[in-house]
Amino acid sequence: MEDTTRFKRYLKDKNLPTPWCPGCGNGIVLKSACDAFDELNLDTSKTVVVSGIGCSGRSAGFFNLDSVHTVHGRALPVAEGVKAANENLNVIVMSGDGDLLGIGGNHLLHASRRNMEITVICFANEIYGMTGGQVSPTSRRGAKTITSPDGCQDTPINVQAIIKAHNCFYARSSAFHLKHLKKSIMAALRHPGFAFVEVICQCIVNNGRRIGFKDGYAMLMDYKERYTIKDNVDRLEDNELGITS
């Protein structure tokens, strides 16, 4: 019988359960990452996780390996420093869209340009969840937040365009499409260069309820209905998930 608990070797049991809200997608992404680590049999002594600030930035503290919880927006330059110091390490960044694409956006531009062998897993929940629900770089047009009570008027950031501009690895998956999410993370970890996985995930407390969802399950079902998987294409449309070629 297959051991379905092997992923736990990458986690600190004493720090579980997580403090994330019921219905939050962060725990799903955390487990999927550990499942990918396990299938690739990543050496815990040669793997480092770096995160920034925010709900998803807490991820670093759950790993049973070396990790760094950095200041807001600085996960990428810290990760680049770790990789430069020891190129034999598996360096993985796990943080949110606000951290990586907002205050950390300039670092993303240059990290992709430098193309160091770093894997980024971005929790894209369309909101600044930890600080109460402010509009974020990935918030949809029309989304009501505490800083856009009449609906967001801005176009969501096109992170795919940023990453692909420098011919780096880009994949998009969701917290509902678990097999595809694990596949995307594994492909990113195997990639010999900068790799970015954008994970659509839910924040029900400070986003979902404001835009009309009853609970986290309803948001997951929305992902099921809204997205289709289309791997090995040059460019993903807004309603598509996939690993780009």
C-alpha atoms as a PDB file:
ATOM      1  CA  MET A   1       0.000   0.000   0.000  1.00  0.00           C
ATOM      2  CA  GLU A   2       1.276   3.446  -0.918  1.00  0.00           C
ATOM      3  CA  ASP A   3       2.419   5.565   2.019  1.00  0.00           C
ATOM      4  CA  THR A   4       0.381   8.778   1.722  1.00  0.00           C
ATOM      5  CA  THR A   5       2.136  10.447   4.655  1.00  0.00           C
ATOM      6  CA  ARG A   6       5.657  10.601   3.206  1.00  0.00           C
ATOM      7  CA  PHE A   7       5.225  14.297   2.444  1.00  0.00           C
ATOM      8  CA  LYS A   8       5.318  14.948   6.198  1.00  0.00           C
ATOM      9  CA  ARG A   9       9.057  14.312   6.319  1.00  0.00           C
ATOM     10  CA  TYR A  10       9.437  17.823   4.920  1.00  0.00           C
ATOM     11  CA  LEU A  11       7.324  19.402   7.667  1.00  0.00           C
ATOM     12  CA  LYS A  12       7.735  20.117  11.381  1.00  0.00           C
ATOM     13  CA  ASP A  13       4.932  18.237  13.127  1.00  0.00           C
ATOM     14  CA  LYS A  14       5.231  20.495  16.174  1.00  0.00           C
ATOM     15  CA  ASN A  15       4.191  23.495  14.080  1.00  0.00           C
ATOM     16  CA  LEU A  16       1.027  21.849  12.768  1.00  0.00           C
ATOM     17  CA  PRO A  17      -1.828  22.518  12.370  1.00  0.00           C
ATOM     18  CA  THR A  18      -1.292  25.740  10.481  1.00  0.00           C
ATOM     19  CA  PRO A  19      -2.842  29.027  11.672  1.00  0.00           C
ATOM     20  CA  TRP A  20      -4.510  29.658   8.305  1.00  0.00           C
ATOM     21  CA  CYS A  21      -8.257  30.301   8.236  1.00  0.00           C
ATOM     22  CA  PRO A  22     -10.749  27.494   7.512  1.00  0.00           C
ATOM     23  CA  GLY A  23     -11.267  27.364   3.753  1.00  0.00           C
ATOM     24  CA  CYS A  24      -7.892  28.953   2.951  1.00  0.00           C
ATOM     25  CA  GLY A  25      -6.005  27.483  -0.010  1.00  0.00           C
ATOM     26  CA  ASN A  26      -2.540  27.932   1.469  1.00  0.00           C
ATOM     27  CA  GLY A  27      -2.473  24.536   3.161  1.00  0.00           C
ATOM     28  CA  ILE A  28      -3.384  22.854  -0.125  1.00  0.00           C
ATOM     29  CA  VAL A  29      -0.456  24.516  -1.875  1.00  0.00           C
ATOM     30  CA  LEU A  30       1.892  23.684   1.009  1.00  0.00           C
ATOM     31  CA  LYS A  31       1.000  19.984   0.865  1.00  0.00           C
ATOM     32  CA  SER A  32       1.223  19.882  -2.934  1.00  0.00           C
ATOM     33  CA  ALA A  33       4.722  21.350  -2.737  1.00  0.00           C
ATOM     34  CA  CYS A  34       5.730  18.707  -0.173  1.00  0.00           C
ATOM     35  CA  ASP A  35       4.249  15.973  -2.377  1.00  0.00           C
ATOM     36  CA  ALA A  36       6.397  17.248  -5.256  1.00  0.00           C
ATOM     37  CA  PHE A  37       9.490  17.378  -3.028  1.00  0.00           C
ATOM     38  CA  ASP A  38       8.811  13.803  -1.945  1.00  0.00           C
ATOM     39  CA  GLU A  39       8.328  12.427  -5.445  1.00  0.00           C
ATOM     40  CA  LEU A  40      11.598  14.015  -6.520  1.00  0.00           C
ATOM     41  CA  ASN A  41      13.175  12.856  -3.248  1.00  0.00           C
ATOM     42  CA  LEU A  42      14.716  16.252  -2.533  1.00  0.00           C
ATOM     43  CA  ASP A  43      17.468  16.048   0.053  1.00  0.00           C
ATOM     44  CA  THR A  44      16.345  18.026   3.117  1.00  0.00           C
ATOM     45  CA  SER A  45      19.970  18.887   3.882  1.00  0.00           C
ATOM     46  CA  LYS A  46      20.350  20.477   0.447  1.00  0.00           C
ATOM     47  CA  THR A  47      17.006  22.274   0.160  1.00  0.00           C
ATOM     48  CA  VAL A  48      16.169  25.796   1.318  1.00  0.00           C
ATOM     49  CA  VAL A  49      12.756  27.494   1.333  1.00  0.00           C
ATOM     50  CA  VAL A  50      12.559  31.289   1.323  1.00  0.00           C
ATOM     51  CA  SER A  51       9.392  33.282   1.901  1.00  0.00           C
ATOM     52  CA  GLY A  52       8.347  36.900   2.312  1.00  0.00           C
ATOM     53  CA  ILE A  53       5.633  38.558   4.377  1.00  0.00           C
ATOM     54  CA  GLY A  54       1.931  37.707   4.297  1.00  0.00           C
ATOM     55  CA  CYS A  55      -0.259  34.717   5.115  1.00  0.00           C
ATOM     56  CA  SER A  56       1.560  32.506   2.616  1.00  0.00           C
ATOM     57  CA  GLY A  57       4.877  33.906   3.817  1.00  0.00           C
ATOM     58  CA  ARG A  58       4.389  31.838   6.950  1.00  0.00           C
ATOM     59  CA  SER A  59       5.069  28.743   4.830  1.00  0.00           C
ATOM     60  CA  ALA A  60       8.794  28.838   5.543  1.00  0.00           C
ATOM     61  CA  GLY A  61       8.233  28.131   9.228  1.00  0.00           C
ATOM     62  CA  PHE A  62       6.553  24.779   8.618  1.00  0.00           C
ATOM     63  CA  PHE A  63       9.405  23.093   6.762  1.00  0.00           C
ATOM     64  CA  ASN A  64      11.737  20.598   8.396  1.00  0.00           C
ATOM     65  CA  LEU A  65      14.705  22.012   6.526  1.00  0.00           C
ATOM     66  CA  ASP A  66      16.607  25.275   6.312  1.00  0.00           C
ATOM     67  CA  SER A  67      14.289  28.179   5.636  1.00  0.00           C
ATOM     68  CA  VAL A  68      14.324  31.963   5.681  1.00  0.00           C
ATOM     69  CA  HIS A  69      11.326  34.181   6.498  1.00  0.00           C
ATOM     70  CA  THR A  70      12.419  37.468   4.946  1.00  0.00           C
ATOM     71  CA  VAL A  71      11.047  40.998   5.062  1.00  0.00           C
ATOM     72  CA  HIS A  72       8.255  42.164   2.754  1.00  0.00           C
ATOM     73  CA  GLY A  73       9.034  41.817  -0.940  1.00  0.00           C
ATOM     74  CA  ARG A  74      12.605  40.613  -0.498  1.00  0.00           C
ATOM     75  CA  ALA A  75      12.232  36.843  -0.835  1.00  0.00           C
ATOM     76  CA  LEU A  76      13.773  36.749  -4.315  1.00  0.00           C
ATOM     77  CA  PRO A  77      17.015  38.643  -3.636  1.00  0.00           C
ATOM     78  CA  VAL A  78      17.553  36.585  -0.474  1.00  0.00           C
ATOM     79  CA  ALA A  79      16.973  33.396  -2.485  1.00  0.00           C
ATOM     80  CA  GLU A  80      19.437  34.589  -5.124  1.00  0.00           C
ATOM     81  CA  GLY A  81      22.000  35.198  -2.381  1.00  0.00           C
ATOM     82  CA  VAL A  82      21.506  31.677  -1.018  1.00  0.00           C
ATOM     83  CA  LYS A  83      21.899  30.175  -4.489  1.00  0.00           C
ATOM     84  CA  ALA A  84      24.974  32.284  -5.261  1.00  0.00           C
ATOM     85  CA  ALA A  85      26.590  31.166  -1.992  1.00  0.00           C
ATOM     86  CA  ASN A  86      25.955  27.473  -2.710  1.00  0.00           C
ATOM     87  CA  GLU A  87      24.859  26.575  -6.222  1.00  0.00           C
ATOM     88  CA  ASN A  88      24.298  22.947  -5.185  1.00  0.00           C
ATOM     89  CA  LEU A  89      21.259  23.836  -3.074  1.00  0.00           C
ATOM     90  CA  ASN A  90      17.651  23.437  -4.165  1.00  0.00           C
ATOM     91  CA  VAL A  91      16.353  26.967  -3.571  1.00  0.00           C
ATOM     92  CA  ILE A  92      12.577  27.419  -3.488  1.00  0.00           C
ATOM     93  CA  VAL A  93      10.623  30.624  -2.910  1.00  0.00           C
ATOM     94  CA  MET A  94       7.081  30.309  -1.544  1.00  0.00           C
ATOM     95  CA  SER A  95       5.179  33.551  -1.084  1.00  0.00           C
ATOM     96  CA  GLY A  96       2.075  35.495  -2.093  1.00  0.00           C
ATOM     97  CA  ASP A  97       1.116  37.655  -5.036  1.00  0.00           C
ATOM     98  CA  GLY A  98       1.239  40.823  -2.956  1.00  0.00           C
ATOM     99  CA  ASP A  99       4.751  40.022  -1.730  1.00  0.00           C
ATOM    100  CA  LEU A 100       6.210  38.781  -5.022  1.00  0.00           C
ATOM    101  CA  LEU A 101       4.334  40.928  -7.543  1.00  0.00           C
ATOM    102  CA  GLY A 102       3.658  44.082  -5.516  1.00  0.00           C
ATOM    103  CA  ILE A 103       6.523  45.386  -3.418  1.00  0.00           C
ATOM    104  CA  GLY A 104       8.716  42.578  -4.788  1.00  0.00           C
ATOM    105  CA  GLY A 105       7.841  43.183  -8.426  1.00  0.00           C
ATOM    106  CA  ASN A 106      11.104  44.906  -9.312  1.00  0.00           C
ATOM    107  CA  HIS A 107      13.066  41.983  -7.882  1.00  0.00           C
ATOM    108  CA  LEU A 108      10.993  39.595 -10.021  1.00  0.00           C
ATOM    109  CA  LEU A 109      11.940  41.492 -13.176  1.00  0.00           C
ATOM    110  CA  HIS A 110      15.631  41.121 -12.482  1.00  0.00           C
ATOM    111  CA  ALA A 111      15.523  37.616 -11.014  1.00  0.00           C
ATOM    112  CA  SER A 112      13.925  36.358 -14.231  1.00  0.00           C
ATOM    113  CA  ARG A 113      16.462  38.340 -16.263  1.00  0.00           C
ATOM    114  CA  ARG A 114      19.365  36.736 -14.389  1.00  0.00           C
ATOM    115  CA  ASN A 115      17.782  33.290 -14.778  1.00  0.00           C
ATOM    116  CA  MET A 116      19.339  31.694 -11.705  1.00  0.00           C
ATOM    117  CA  GLU A 117      18.157  28.172 -10.883  1.00  0.00           C
ATOM    118  CA  ILE A 118      15.445  29.102  -8.393  1.00  0.00           C
ATOM    119  CA  THR A 119      11.883  27.783  -8.220  1.00  0.00           C
ATOM    120  CA  VAL A 120       9.136  30.225  -7.241  1.00  0.00           C
ATOM    121  CA  ILE A 121       5.708  29.059  -6.053  1.00  0.00           C
ATOM    122  CA  CYS A 122       3.374  32.048  -5.945  1.00  0.00           C
ATOM    123  CA  PHE A 123       0.172  31.833  -3.881  1.00  0.00           C
ATOM    124  CA  ALA A 124      -2.051  34.044  -6.071  1.00  0.00           C
ATOM    125  CA  ASN A 125      -5.201  34.671  -4.014  1.00  0.00           C
ATOM    126  CA  GLU A 126      -6.042  38.084  -5.493  1.00  0.00           C
ATOM    127  CA  ILE A 127      -5.869  39.940  -2.177  1.00  0.00           C
ATOM    128  CA  TYR A 128      -3.682  41.197   0.663  1.00  0.00           C
ATOM    129  CA  GLY A 129      -5.284  38.765   3.092  1.00  0.00           C
ATOM    130  CA  MET A 130      -3.200  39.106   6.245  1.00  0.00           C
ATOM    131  CA  THR A 131      -3.697  42.867   6.523  1.00  0.00           C
ATOM    132  CA  GLY A 132      -7.466  42.798   6.070  1.00  0.00           C
ATOM    133  CA  GLY A 133      -8.277  42.527   2.381  1.00  0.00           C
ATOM    134  CA  GLN A 134      -6.704  45.313   0.347  1.00  0.00           C
ATOM    135  CA  VAL A 135      -6.595  45.194  -3.456  1.00  0.00           C
ATOM    136  CA  SER A 136      -3.549  43.276  -4.722  1.00  0.00           C
ATOM    137  CA  PRO A 137      -1.668  43.070  -8.043  1.00  0.00           C
ATOM    138  CA  THR A 138      -3.785  40.055  -9.085  1.00  0.00           C
ATOM    139  CA  SER A 139      -7.204  41.367  -7.978  1.00  0.00           C
ATOM    140  CA  ARG A 140      -9.767  41.076 -10.772  1.00  0.00           C
ATOM    141  CA  ARG A 141     -11.301  44.157 -12.325  1.00  0.00           C
ATOM    142  CA  GLY A 142     -14.495  44.961 -10.447  1.00  0.00           C
ATOM    143  CA  ALA A 143     -13.457  43.102  -7.295  1.00  0.00           C
ATOM    144  CA  LYS A 144     -14.691  44.790  -4.118  1.00  0.00           C
ATOM    145  CA  THR A 145     -12.024  45.086  -1.446  1.00  0.00           C
ATOM    146  CA  ILE A 146     -11.557  47.387   1.525  1.00  0.00           C
ATOM    147  CA  THR A 147      -9.450  49.676  -0.679  1.00  0.00           C
ATOM    148  CA  SER A 148     -11.697  49.350  -3.736  1.00  0.00           C
ATOM    149  CA  PRO A 149     -15.236  49.402  -2.260  1.00  0.00           C
ATOM    150  CA  ASP A 150     -16.712  50.357  -5.640  1.00  0.00           C
ATOM    151  CA  GLY A 151     -14.762  47.653  -7.479  1.00  0.00           C
ATOM    152  CA  CYS A 152     -11.141  47.426  -8.586  1.00  0.00           C
ATOM    153  CA  GLN A 153     -10.482  49.607 -11.642  1.00  0.00           C
ATOM    154  CA  ASP A 154      -7.026  48.221 -12.433  1.00  0.00           C
ATOM    155  CA  THR A 155      -6.030  45.440 -14.817  1.00  0.00           C
ATOM    156  CA  PRO A 156      -4.475  42.447 -12.994  1.00  0.00           C
ATOM    157  CA  ILE A 157      -0.746  42.069 -13.467  1.00  0.00           C
ATOM    158  CA  ASN A 158       0.280  39.737 -16.294  1.00  0.00           C
ATOM    159  CA  VAL A 159       3.023  37.801 -14.541  1.00  0.00           C
ATOM    160  CA  GLN A 160       3.157  35.327 -17.433  1.00  0.00           C
ATOM    161  CA  ALA A 161       4.344  38.123 -19.723  1.00  0.00           C
ATOM    162  CA  ILE A 162       7.065  39.139 -17.252  1.00  0.00           C
ATOM    163  CA  ILE A 163       8.417  35.610 -16.905  1.00  0.00           C
ATOM    164  CA  LYS A 164       8.168  34.668 -20.569  1.00  0.00           C
ATOM    165  CA  ALA A 165       9.824  37.934 -21.637  1.00  0.00           C
ATOM    166  CA  HIS A 166      13.087  36.409 -20.417  1.00  0.00           C
ATOM    167  CA  ASN A 167      12.290  32.905 -21.735  1.00  0.00           C
ATOM    168  CA  CYS A 168      11.983  31.455 -18.245  1.00  0.00           C
ATOM    169  CA  PHE A 169       9.745  28.604 -17.098  1.00  0.00           C
ATOM    170  CA  TYR A 170       6.146  29.571 -16.375  1.00  0.00           C
ATOM    171  CA  ALA A 171       3.226  27.417 -15.262  1.00  0.00           C
ATOM    172  CA  ARG A 172      -0.205  28.240 -13.871  1.00  0.00           C
ATOM    173  CA  SER A 173      -2.307  25.862 -11.791  1.00  0.00           C
ATOM    174  CA  SER A 174      -4.918  26.040  -9.029  1.00  0.00           C
ATOM    175  CA  ALA A 175      -5.688  24.734  -5.559  1.00  0.00           C
ATOM    176  CA  PHE A 176      -8.461  22.593  -7.066  1.00  0.00           C
ATOM    177  CA  HIS A 177      -6.410  20.883  -9.805  1.00  0.00           C
ATOM    178  CA  LEU A 178      -4.186  18.919  -7.424  1.00  0.00           C
ATOM    179  CA  LYS A 179      -2.592  16.488  -9.894  1.00  0.00           C
ATOM    180  CA  HIS A 180      -1.798  19.317 -12.257  1.00  0.00           C
ATOM    181  CA  LEU A 181      -0.473  21.479  -9.418  1.00  0.00           C
ATOM    182  CA  LYS A 182       1.938  18.778  -8.298  1.00  0.00           C
ATOM    183  CA  LYS A 183       2.980  18.162 -11.912  1.00  0.00           C
ATOM    184  CA  SER A 184       3.634  21.887 -12.409  1.00  0.00           C
ATOM    185  CA  ILE A 185       5.766  22.179  -9.269  1.00  0.00           C
ATOM    186  CA  MET A 186       7.771  19.092 -10.202  1.00  0.00           C
ATOM    187  CA  ALA A 187       8.397  20.436 -13.710  1.00  0.00           C
ATOM    188  CA  ALA A 188       9.532  23.750 -12.218  1.00  0.00           C
ATOM    189  CA  LEU A 189      11.912  22.010  -9.806  1.00  0.00           C
ATOM    190  CA  ARG A 190      13.441  20.048 -12.691  1.00  0.00           C
ATOM    191  CA  HIS A 191      13.923  23.150 -14.833  1.00  0.00           C
ATOM    192  CA  PRO A 192      17.596  24.259 -15.144  1.00  0.00           C
ATOM    193  CA  GLY A 193      16.937  27.947 -14.603  1.00  0.00           C
ATOM    194  CA  PHE A 194      14.455  30.405 -13.136  1.00  0.00           C
ATOM    195  CA  ALA A 195      11.004  28.813 -12.808  1.00  0.00           C
ATOM    196  CA  PHE A 196       7.736  30.413 -11.720  1.00  0.00           C
ATOM    197  CA  VAL A 197       4.520  28.586 -10.791  1.00  0.00           C
ATOM    198  CA  GLU A 198       1.464  30.809 -10.316  1.00  0.00           C
ATOM    199  CA  VAL A 199      -1.080  29.000  -8.154  1.00  0.00           C
ATOM    200  CA  ILE A 200      -4.642  30.326  -8.141  1.00  0.00           C
ATOM    201  CA  CYS A 201      -5.807  29.802  -4.565  1.00  0.00           C
ATOM    202  CA  GLN A 202      -8.615  30.997  -2.348  1.00  0.00           C
ATOM    203  CA  CYS A 203      -8.867  33.475   0.518  1.00  0.00           C
ATOM    204  CA  ILE A 204     -12.481  33.160   1.610  1.00  0.00           C
ATOM    205  CA  VAL A 205     -12.329  35.398   4.705  1.00  0.00           C
ATOM    206  CA  ASN A 206     -10.892  38.592   3.230  1.00  0.00           C
ATOM    207  CA  ASN A 207     -11.717  38.134  -0.448  1.00  0.00           C
ATOM    208  CA  GLY A 208     -14.174  35.394  -1.362  1.00  0.00           C
ATOM    209  CA  ARG A 209     -17.080  36.546   0.775  1.00  0.00           C
ATOM    210  CA  ARG A 210     -16.714  40.102  -0.475  1.00  0.00           C
ATOM    211  CA  ILE A 211     -17.010  38.980  -4.091  1.00  0.00           C
ATOM    212  CA  GLY A 212     -19.984  36.699  -3.538  1.00  0.00           C
ATOM    213  CA  PHE A 213     -18.748  33.260  -2.449  1.00  0.00           C
ATOM    214  CA  LYS A 214     -20.276  31.456   0.527  1.00  0.00           C
ATOM    215  CA  ASP A 215     -17.233  29.413   1.512  1.00  0.00           C
ATOM    216  CA  GLY A 216     -13.874  28.066   0.353  1.00  0.00           C
ATOM    217  CA  TYR A 217     -15.496  25.054  -1.270  1.00  0.00           C
ATOM    218  CA  ALA A 218     -17.542  27.348  -3.519  1.00  0.00           C
ATOM    219  CA  MET A 219     -14.345  29.067  -4.620  1.00  0.00           C
ATOM    220  CA  LEU A 220     -12.744  25.721  -5.443  1.00  0.00           C
ATOM    221  CA  MET A 221     -15.787  24.760  -7.507  1.00  0.00           C
ATOM    222  CA  ASP A 222     -15.445  28.064  -9.336  1.00  0.00           C
ATOM    223  CA  TYR A 223     -11.877  27.115 -10.262  1.00  0.00           C
ATOM    224  CA  LYS A 224     -13.165  23.765 -11.488  1.00  0.00           C
ATOM    225  CA  GLU A 225     -15.722  25.410 -13.765  1.00  0.00           C
ATOM    226  CA  ARG A 226     -13.701  28.434 -14.840  1.00  0.00           C
ATOM    227  CA  TYR A 227     -10.349  26.905 -15.782  1.00  0.00           C
ATOM    228  CA  THR A 228      -9.286  24.331 -18.345  1.00  0.00           C
ATOM    229  CA  ILE A 229      -5.894  22.664 -18.537  1.00  0.00           C
ATOM    230  CA  LYS A 230      -3.870  23.305 -21.671  1.00  0.00           C
ATOM    231  CA  ASP A 231      -0.269  22.215 -21.297  1.00  0.00           C
ATOM    232  CA  ASN A 232       2.605  22.735 -23.730  1.00  0.00           C
ATOM    233  CA  VAL A 233       1.367  25.938 -25.326  1.00  0.00           C
ATOM    234  CA  ASP A 234       3.337  29.142 -25.850  1.00  0.00           C
ATOM    235  CA  ARG A 235       0.826  31.303 -23.992  1.00  0.00           C
ATOM    236  CA  LEU A 236      -2.031  30.665 -21.570  1.00  0.00           C
ATOM    237  CA  GLU A 237      -5.293  32.564 -21.849  1.00  0.00           C
ATOM    238  CA  ASP A 238      -6.883  33.984 -18.694  1.00  0.00           C
ATOM    239  CA  ASN A 239      -9.149  30.927 -18.250  1.00  0.00           C
ATOM    240  CA  GLU A 240      -6.402  28.358 -18.855  1.00  0.00           C
ATOM    241  CA  LEU A 241      -4.011  26.453 -16.621  1.00  0.00           C
ATOM    242  CA  GLY A 242      -0.919  24.834 -17.972  1.00  0.00           C
ATOM    243  CA  ILE A 243       2.815  24.390 -18.266  1.00  0.00           C
ATOM    244  CA  THR A 244       3.998  26.645 -21.065  1.00  0.00           C
ATOM    245  CA  SER A 245       6.502  25.484 -23.648  1.00  0.00           C
END
